[in-house]
Amino acid sequence: METYLVPNKLLTSADNTISEKKKVFLSAVALMIASVGLAQDNYSGVLQVGVDNESEVTQLGYYNGSGVIQGGIENESYVDQDGDENLSGVVQLGEGNYSEVNQEGESNFSEVYQLGANNESQVTQDEENSGWFGGNNNSGVLQVGADNFSEVYQTGRGYNNSGVIQLGADNSSDVLQKGKAFIDYNKNVLYLKKIKKRKKMICLRIKCY
């Protein structure tokens, strides 16, 4: 297995696309669990069709959302969310597919689609003890075929974006991203003194306008 260090990019057009995908996903999950009629801080929906499929969802915090759809035989999905406003979507169709999503912090977003047999995806999004500056990681994984493997690890101060697409058989991908939000982007200045020649500063979270 090869390991690649993927550079972080914060592009307006990409952010807009991710924002729209989050809205669509959030609506889909809300519709999935609407029939349950529960009022709670976190929400989860699971739909499984087939034989011996397994799903486990753990949610700690507020306003986390998880949606899992599995169809086929012996597919496994595990979602662990610890924080606030994390979103996870998993779709697995086929046989023996495995997905694991671990989200820690705030406003992480993950989508996993696996179609075929014996594909495996592992997504970890955390803050690496960087506190308030973590989170806001975005990951998308699409694997179609058999025996494909993908691992995505996003950490640091957040604002990492990753997309993995693998088609065929026996493909392997390993993505490591370690963001440095307040260093990489001039708008994130909570650790900096007031910028010279800037009279007015309005700060929201870690962004200043």
Protein backbone atom coordinates (compact mmCIF):
# COMPACT_ATOMS: atom_id res chain seq x y z
CA MET A 1 0.00 0.00 0.00
CA GLU A 2 1.36 3.42 -0.94
CA THR A 3 0.84 6.56 1.12
CA TYR A 4 0.36 9.99 -0.41
CA LEU A 5 0.30 13.39 1.26
CA VAL A 6 -2.49 15.33 -0.42
CA PRO A 7 -2.26 19.15 -0.40
CA ASN A 8 -5.20 21.08 0.99
CA LYS A 9 -7.08 23.53 -1.20
CA LEU A 10 -9.86 25.89 -0.27
CA LEU A 11 -11.66 26.89 -3.45
CA THR A 12 -14.87 28.86 -3.50
CA SER A 13 -16.47 26.74 -6.20
CA ALA A 14 -15.57 23.52 -4.40
CA ASP A 15 -16.93 24.85 -1.12
CA ASN A 16 -20.21 25.77 -2.80
CA THR A 17 -20.51 22.28 -4.27
CA ILE A 18 -19.83 20.67 -0.90
CA SER A 19 -22.35 22.96 0.76
CA GLU A 20 -25.04 21.96 -1.72
CA LYS A 21 -24.23 18.26 -1.27
CA LYS A 22 -24.55 18.64 2.47
CA LYS A 23 -28.00 20.20 2.06
CA VAL A 24 -29.15 17.40 -0.23
CA PHE A 25 -27.79 14.72 2.10
CA LEU A 26 -29.32 16.33 5.17
CA SER A 27 -32.72 16.40 3.47
CA ALA A 28 -32.40 12.76 2.44
CA VAL A 29 -31.61 11.62 5.97
CA ALA A 30 -34.46 13.68 7.37
CA LEU A 31 -36.88 12.00 4.97
CA MET A 32 -35.48 8.56 5.83
CA ILE A 33 -36.28 8.90 9.53
CA ALA A 34 -39.35 11.11 9.32
CA SER A 35 -41.65 8.14 9.78
CA VAL A 36 -40.06 7.36 13.14
CA GLY A 37 -41.29 10.64 14.54
CA LEU A 38 -38.52 11.18 17.07
CA ALA A 39 -37.43 14.60 18.31
CA GLN A 40 -33.82 14.46 19.40
CA ASP A 41 -30.47 16.20 19.01
CA ASN A 42 -28.90 13.52 16.79
CA TYR A 43 -30.58 11.63 14.00
CA SER A 44 -29.86 8.35 12.27
CA GLY A 45 -31.55 6.33 9.54
CA VAL A 46 -30.71 2.77 8.51
CA LEU A 47 -32.23 0.80 5.62
CA GLN A 48 -31.06 -2.76 4.98
CA VAL A 49 -32.36 -5.18 2.35
CA GLY A 50 -30.92 -8.65 1.89
CA VAL A 51 -29.24 -11.23 4.10
CA ASP A 52 -26.88 -10.87 7.08
CA ASN A 53 -26.18 -7.17 6.64
CA GLU A 54 -24.95 -5.36 9.77
CA SER A 55 -25.05 -1.70 10.75
CA GLU A 56 -23.90 0.04 13.93
CA VAL A 57 -24.23 3.78 14.62
CA THR A 58 -22.88 5.59 17.70
CA GLN A 59 -23.58 9.30 18.17
CA LEU A 60 -22.34 11.59 20.94
CA GLY A 61 -22.90 15.33 20.86
CA TYR A 62 -25.47 17.48 19.08
CA TYR A 63 -27.00 17.65 15.62
CA ASN A 64 -25.04 14.76 14.15
CA GLY A 65 -26.65 13.01 11.21
CA SER A 66 -26.10 9.52 9.81
CA GLY A 67 -27.73 7.65 6.93
CA VAL A 68 -26.94 4.04 5.99
CA ILE A 69 -28.34 2.03 3.08
CA GLN A 70 -27.23 -1.55 2.51
CA GLY A 71 -28.52 -4.04 -0.02
CA GLY A 72 -27.18 -7.51 -0.64
CA ILE A 73 -25.36 -10.06 1.49
CA GLU A 74 -23.07 -9.66 4.51
CA ASN A 75 -22.32 -5.96 4.14
CA GLU A 76 -21.06 -4.16 7.26
CA SER A 77 -21.24 -0.49 8.20
CA TYR A 78 -19.94 1.20 11.36
CA VAL A 79 -20.42 4.91 12.05
CA ASP A 80 -19.03 6.67 15.12
CA GLN A 81 -19.74 10.39 15.59
CA ASP A 82 -18.38 12.31 18.58
CA GLY A 83 -18.93 16.05 18.37
CA ASP A 84 -21.41 18.43 16.78
CA GLU A 85 -22.96 18.80 13.32
CA ASN A 86 -21.13 15.89 11.71
CA LEU A 87 -22.75 14.24 8.70
CA SER A 88 -22.16 10.72 7.33
CA GLY A 89 -23.75 8.88 4.43
CA VAL A 90 -23.00 5.25 3.53
CA VAL A 91 -24.42 3.25 0.61
CA GLN A 92 -23.28 -0.32 0.03
CA LEU A 93 -24.76 -2.64 -2.56
CA GLY A 94 -23.41 -6.10 -3.21
CA GLU A 95 -21.68 -8.69 -1.06
CA GLY A 96 -19.13 -8.48 1.72
CA ASN A 97 -18.52 -4.74 1.54
CA TYR A 98 -17.16 -3.02 4.67
CA SER A 99 -17.35 0.64 5.67
CA GLU A 100 -16.07 2.39 8.79
CA VAL A 101 -16.54 6.11 9.44
CA ASN A 102 -15.12 7.86 12.52
CA GLN A 103 -15.88 11.56 12.96
CA GLU A 104 -14.61 13.66 15.83
CA GLY A 105 -15.03 17.40 16.22
CA GLU A 106 -17.40 19.71 14.36
CA SER A 107 -18.89 19.95 10.89
CA ASN A 108 -17.17 16.97 9.31
CA PHE A 109 -18.80 15.51 6.19
CA SER A 110 -18.33 12.02 4.74
CA GLU A 111 -19.93 10.11 1.86
CA VAL A 112 -19.12 6.49 1.02
CA TYR A 113 -20.52 4.57 -1.96
CA GLN A 114 -19.44 0.97 -2.55
CA LEU A 115 -20.90 -1.22 -5.27
CA GLY A 116 -19.70 -4.76 -5.85
CA ALA A 117 -18.01 -7.31 -3.62
CA ASN A 118 -15.50 -7.19 -0.79
CA ASN A 119 -14.72 -3.50 -1.07
CA GLU A 120 -13.45 -1.75 2.07
CA SER A 121 -13.52 1.91 3.05
CA GLN A 122 -12.14 3.53 6.22
CA VAL A 123 -12.65 7.25 6.88
CA THR A 124 -11.29 9.01 9.96
CA GLN A 125 -11.86 12.72 10.57
CA ASP A 126 -10.53 14.16 13.80
CA GLU A 127 -8.95 17.23 15.41
CA GLU A 128 -5.64 15.83 16.62
CA ASN A 129 -6.11 17.63 19.94
CA SER A 130 -6.10 20.97 18.15
CA GLY A 131 -9.34 21.99 19.88
CA TRP A 132 -11.48 24.72 18.40
CA PHE A 133 -9.57 24.86 15.15
CA GLY A 134 -10.35 21.30 14.03
CA GLY A 135 -13.20 19.89 11.98
CA ASN A 136 -14.75 21.04 8.72
CA ASN A 137 -13.22 18.09 6.85
CA ASN A 138 -14.90 16.76 3.71
CA SER A 139 -14.42 13.29 2.26
CA GLY A 140 -16.02 11.41 -0.63
CA VAL A 141 -15.29 7.78 -1.57
CA LEU A 142 -16.66 5.84 -4.55
CA GLN A 143 -15.58 2.26 -5.18
CA VAL A 144 -17.11 0.07 -7.88
CA GLY A 145 -15.87 -3.46 -8.45
CA ALA A 146 -14.26 -6.01 -6.19
CA ASP A 147 -11.58 -6.07 -3.50
CA ASN A 148 -10.88 -2.35 -3.61
CA PHE A 149 -9.47 -0.63 -0.52
CA SER A 150 -9.59 3.03 0.49
CA GLU A 151 -8.35 4.74 3.64
CA VAL A 152 -8.80 8.46 4.28
CA TYR A 153 -7.35 10.16 7.34
CA GLN A 154 -8.04 13.86 7.82
CA THR A 155 -6.66 15.61 10.89
CA GLY A 156 -4.86 18.72 12.07
CA ARG A 157 -6.73 22.01 12.18
CA GLY A 158 -9.26 20.90 9.59
CA TYR A 159 -10.53 22.25 6.27
CA ASN A 160 -9.24 19.19 4.41
CA ASN A 161 -11.03 18.07 1.23
CA SER A 162 -10.59 14.62 -0.33
CA GLY A 163 -12.19 12.66 -3.17
CA VAL A 164 -11.41 9.02 -4.04
CA ILE A 165 -12.79 7.11 -7.04
CA GLN A 166 -11.72 3.54 -7.75
CA LEU A 167 -13.20 1.36 -10.50
CA GLY A 168 -12.26 -2.25 -11.12
CA ALA A 169 -10.54 -4.77 -8.86
CA ASP A 170 -7.75 -4.81 -6.30
CA ASN A 171 -7.21 -1.05 -6.31
CA SER A 172 -5.77 0.59 -3.19
CA SER A 173 -5.73 4.21 -2.02
CA ASP A 174 -4.35 5.80 1.15
CA VAL A 175 -4.97 9.53 1.73
CA LEU A 176 -3.45 11.52 4.59
CA GLN A 177 -4.32 15.19 5.10
CA LYS A 178 -3.14 17.34 7.98
CA GLY A 179 -4.65 20.80 7.76
CA LYS A 180 -3.29 24.00 9.26
CA ALA A 181 -6.30 26.25 8.93
CA PHE A 182 -5.18 29.43 10.62
CA ILE A 183 -1.76 29.30 8.99
CA ASP A 184 -2.85 28.46 5.46
CA TYR A 185 -5.69 30.95 5.16
CA ASN A 186 -5.29 34.64 5.88
CA LYS A 187 -8.90 35.00 7.04
CA ASN A 188 -8.30 32.75 10.04
CA VAL A 189 -6.57 35.13 12.44
CA LEU A 190 -7.73 34.29 15.93
CA TYR A 191 -4.15 33.51 16.95
CA LEU A 192 -2.83 36.63 15.27
CA LYS A 193 -2.87 40.16 16.54
CA LYS A 194 -5.02 42.68 14.75
CA ILE A 195 -3.88 43.10 11.20
CA LYS A 196 -2.24 46.44 10.62
CA LYS A 197 -4.21 49.03 8.67
CA ARG A 198 -7.42 47.11 9.28
CA LYS A 199 -9.79 49.18 11.33
CA LYS A 200 -12.81 46.90 11.52
CA MET A 201 -12.83 43.16 12.11
CA ILE A 202 -15.89 40.96 12.60
CA CYS A 203 -15.03 37.40 13.63
CA LEU A 204 -17.34 34.39 13.26
CA ARG A 205 -15.90 31.13 14.58
CA ILE A 206 -12.41 31.10 13.13
CA LYS A 207 -13.09 33.28 10.09
CA CYS A 208 -12.82 37.04 10.05
CA TYR A 209 -14.52 39.30 7.55
